[in-house]
């Protein structure tokens, strides 16, 4: 029976639901905020302190820190929605981790292509944020529409 229900869900899936696009955009925005805090904070730290560290390592550390801050932020948001700590953390990790990884890679790849990497300036940050938002948004829509699962 589950197979039939899943096939029905696949057959009925579409990309035209305005409500789901809006909801998934809000979810993606929360994820972007969390990722950007850790990512930009790390890059800015190395940029300001001028600590000699390879660009690739700075970017990998920025990705890691972005994932951590996003998980923390999403866990807090979920706890404010009456989740207990364990459930909030599990939900933040399971429902949006792939989205966060895609977002982080897209943001840092954009930074690398446009500036050579690990360089924040007035014109690259908005581009990184736009790319970081647009990369996981369709996945978040799909997951929300198909499974009715969101992180917030």
Protein backbone atom coordinates (compact mmCIF):
# COMPACT_ATOMS: atom_id res chain seq x y z
CA UNK A 1 0.00 0.00 0.00
CA UNK A 2 2.84 2.42 0.80
CA UNK A 3 4.19 1.84 -2.69
CA UNK A 4 0.87 2.97 -4.18
CA UNK A 5 0.75 6.05 -1.98
CA UNK A 6 4.32 6.98 -2.95
CA UNK A 7 3.54 6.46 -6.64
CA UNK A 8 0.48 8.68 -6.26
CA UNK A 9 2.59 11.37 -4.60
CA UNK A 10 5.11 11.17 -7.44
CA UNK A 11 2.34 11.35 -10.04
CA UNK A 12 0.76 14.36 -8.34
CA UNK A 13 3.99 16.27 -7.71
CA UNK A 14 4.29 19.66 -9.40
CA UNK A 15 6.38 22.83 -9.16
CA UNK A 16 3.45 25.26 -9.32
CA UNK A 17 2.37 25.65 -5.69
CA UNK A 18 2.83 29.29 -4.65
CA UNK A 19 2.30 28.50 -0.96
CA UNK A 20 5.03 25.85 -1.00
CA UNK A 21 7.43 28.20 -2.81
CA UNK A 22 6.81 30.87 -0.15
CA UNK A 23 7.21 28.44 2.74
CA UNK A 24 10.33 26.87 1.25
CA UNK A 25 11.76 30.37 0.64
CA UNK A 26 11.31 31.20 4.34
CA UNK A 27 12.98 27.93 5.33
CA UNK A 28 15.82 28.56 2.89
CA UNK A 29 16.22 32.09 4.27
CA UNK A 30 16.65 30.79 7.82
CA UNK A 31 19.21 28.30 6.57
CA UNK A 32 21.02 31.04 4.65
CA UNK A 33 21.16 33.28 7.71
CA UNK A 34 22.68 30.52 9.82
CA UNK A 35 25.17 29.50 7.15
CA UNK A 36 26.20 33.08 6.41
CA UNK A 37 26.93 33.89 10.06
CA UNK A 38 29.54 31.16 10.40
CA UNK A 39 30.84 31.34 6.85
CA UNK A 40 31.26 35.11 6.60
CA UNK A 41 32.47 35.35 10.18
CA UNK A 42 35.28 32.91 9.48
CA UNK A 43 36.33 34.58 6.23
CA UNK A 44 36.17 38.03 7.84
CA UNK A 45 38.27 36.85 10.79
CA UNK A 46 41.09 35.69 8.51
CA UNK A 47 40.72 38.75 6.30
CA UNK A 48 41.05 41.16 9.23
CA UNK A 49 43.74 39.32 11.18
CA UNK A 50 45.81 38.55 8.08
CA UNK A 51 46.80 35.21 9.59
CA UNK A 52 48.69 33.37 6.86
CA UNK A 53 46.53 30.35 6.16
CA UNK A 54 45.89 28.67 2.80
CA UNK A 55 42.75 29.92 1.03
CA UNK A 56 41.42 26.39 0.63
CA UNK A 57 41.69 25.74 4.36
CA UNK A 58 40.00 29.04 5.21
CA UNK A 59 37.15 28.18 2.86
CA UNK A 60 36.79 24.65 4.26
CA UNK A 61 36.75 26.07 7.79
CA UNK A 62 34.18 28.66 6.68
CA UNK A 63 31.97 25.89 5.28
CA UNK A 64 32.27 23.88 8.49
CA UNK A 65 31.51 26.91 10.68
CA UNK A 66 28.58 27.84 8.43
CA UNK A 67 27.11 24.37 8.88
CA UNK A 68 27.56 24.55 12.65
CA UNK A 69 25.96 28.00 13.01
CA UNK A 70 23.08 27.02 10.74
CA UNK A 71 22.37 23.91 12.79
CA UNK A 72 22.50 25.98 15.99
CA UNK A 73 20.15 28.65 14.59
CA UNK A 74 17.70 26.11 13.20
CA UNK A 75 17.70 24.20 16.49
CA UNK A 76 16.86 27.43 18.35
CA UNK A 77 14.07 28.26 15.87
CA UNK A 78 12.61 24.77 16.31
CA UNK A 79 12.84 24.97 20.09
CA UNK A 80 10.87 28.22 19.89
CA UNK A 81 8.25 26.18 18.03
CA UNK A 82 7.92 23.89 21.08
CA UNK A 83 10.37 21.16 20.00
CA UNK A 84 12.52 19.74 22.79
CA UNK A 85 16.29 20.06 22.34
CA UNK A 86 16.80 16.50 21.12
CA UNK A 87 13.98 16.63 18.56
CA UNK A 88 14.98 20.11 17.39
CA UNK A 89 18.60 19.09 16.87
CA UNK A 90 17.65 15.85 15.11
CA UNK A 91 15.24 17.71 12.82
CA UNK A 92 17.77 20.45 12.02
CA UNK A 93 20.37 17.83 11.14
CA UNK A 94 18.19 15.46 9.16
CA UNK A 95 15.95 17.76 7.16
CA UNK A 96 18.26 20.47 6.02
CA UNK A 97 21.83 19.20 6.13
CA UNK A 98 22.00 18.44 2.40
CA UNK A 99 20.52 21.86 1.72
CA UNK A 100 23.12 23.51 3.95
CA UNK A 101 26.02 21.68 2.30
CA UNK A 102 24.82 22.73 -1.16
CA UNK A 103 24.36 26.29 0.04
CA UNK A 104 27.82 26.46 1.58
CA UNK A 105 29.59 24.98 -1.42
CA UNK A 106 27.73 27.34 -3.77
CA UNK A 107 28.58 30.41 -1.67
CA UNK A 108 32.26 29.54 -1.34
CA UNK A 109 32.64 28.49 -4.96
CA UNK A 110 31.13 31.85 -5.96
CA UNK A 111 33.60 33.63 -3.68
CA UNK A 112 36.48 31.64 -5.14
CA UNK A 113 35.47 32.28 -8.76
CA UNK A 114 34.90 36.01 -8.25
CA UNK A 115 37.66 36.96 -5.81
CA UNK A 116 40.12 34.10 -5.67
CA UNK A 117 38.61 32.89 -2.40
CA UNK A 118 38.30 33.90 1.24
CA UNK A 119 37.71 37.56 0.37
CA UNK A 120 34.64 39.50 1.43
CA UNK A 121 33.93 42.89 -0.12
CA UNK A 122 30.91 45.07 -0.80
CA UNK A 123 30.04 43.56 -4.17
CA UNK A 124 30.73 39.84 -3.65
CA UNK A 125 28.64 39.34 -0.48
CA UNK A 126 25.25 40.00 -2.14
CA UNK A 127 26.17 37.69 -5.03
CA UNK A 128 27.24 34.96 -2.60
CA UNK A 129 23.97 35.33 -0.70
CA UNK A 130 21.85 35.17 -3.85
CA UNK A 131 23.68 32.07 -5.14
CA UNK A 132 23.56 30.54 -1.66
CA UNK A 133 19.80 31.07 -1.53
CA UNK A 134 18.96 29.92 -5.06
CA UNK A 135 21.03 26.72 -4.95
CA UNK A 136 19.04 24.79 -2.30
CA UNK A 137 15.65 26.47 -2.76
CA UNK A 138 14.27 24.02 -5.37
CA UNK A 139 15.42 21.08 -3.21
CA UNK A 140 13.69 22.61 -0.19
CA UNK A 141 10.51 23.11 -2.25
CA UNK A 142 10.65 19.51 -3.48
CA UNK A 143 11.19 18.10 0.02
CA UNK A 144 8.40 20.20 1.47
CA UNK A 145 5.97 19.38 -1.34
CA UNK A 146 6.77 15.69 -1.64
CA UNK A 147 7.23 14.74 2.02
CA UNK A 148 5.63 17.72 3.79
CA UNK A 149 8.90 18.07 5.66
CA UNK A 150 10.57 21.33 6.50
CA UNK A 151 13.06 22.36 9.10
CA UNK A 152 10.90 25.23 10.43
